[in-house]
């Protein structure tokens, strides 16, 4: 009976400049907040 290797799902990207997904998510959240703030108050 052959043993099958379980492939782990890699959701990371080789192009990511961040060391962790959590840091990437936090930066994206902060940038989205800044953009929304700018659009709301500048318009």
Protein backbone atom coordinates (compact mmCIF):
# COMPACT_ATOMS: atom_id res chain seq x y z
CA UNK A 1 0.00 0.00 0.00
CA UNK A 2 1.47 3.34 -1.08
CA UNK A 3 1.55 6.26 1.30
CA UNK A 4 0.34 9.50 -0.21
CA UNK A 5 2.01 12.76 0.68
CA UNK A 6 -0.33 15.39 1.98
CA UNK A 7 0.28 18.65 0.18
CA UNK A 8 0.02 21.65 2.44
CA UNK A 9 -1.75 24.68 1.10
CA UNK A 10 0.62 27.62 0.70
CA UNK A 11 -1.39 30.81 0.54
CA UNK A 12 1.67 33.05 0.67
CA UNK A 13 3.17 34.76 -2.31
CA UNK A 14 6.79 34.76 -3.39
CA UNK A 15 6.37 38.44 -4.23
CA UNK A 16 5.32 39.47 -0.73
CA UNK A 17 7.59 42.02 0.95
CA UNK A 18 6.23 41.22 4.39
CA UNK A 19 7.54 38.55 6.73
CA UNK A 20 4.09 37.45 7.91
CA UNK A 21 0.49 37.43 6.75
CA UNK A 22 -0.61 39.22 9.92
CA UNK A 23 1.74 42.15 9.24
CA UNK A 24 0.57 42.32 5.63
CA UNK A 25 -3.09 42.37 6.74
CA UNK A 26 -2.44 45.13 9.29
CA UNK A 27 -0.65 47.33 6.74
CA UNK A 28 -3.50 46.82 4.25
CA UNK A 29 -6.06 47.71 6.93
CA UNK A 30 -4.17 50.88 7.91
CA UNK A 31 -3.78 51.97 4.28
CA UNK A 32 -7.47 51.36 3.61
CA UNK A 33 -8.39 53.44 6.67
CA UNK A 34 -6.12 56.30 5.56
CA UNK A 35 -7.59 56.21 2.06
CA UNK A 36 -11.18 56.20 3.36
CA UNK A 37 -10.35 59.04 5.77
CA UNK A 38 -8.81 61.09 2.95
CA UNK A 39 -11.73 60.52 0.60
CA UNK A 40 -14.30 61.38 3.29
CA UNK A 41 -12.68 64.60 4.49
CA UNK A 42 -11.04 65.95 1.33
CA UNK A 43 -14.13 65.65 -0.85
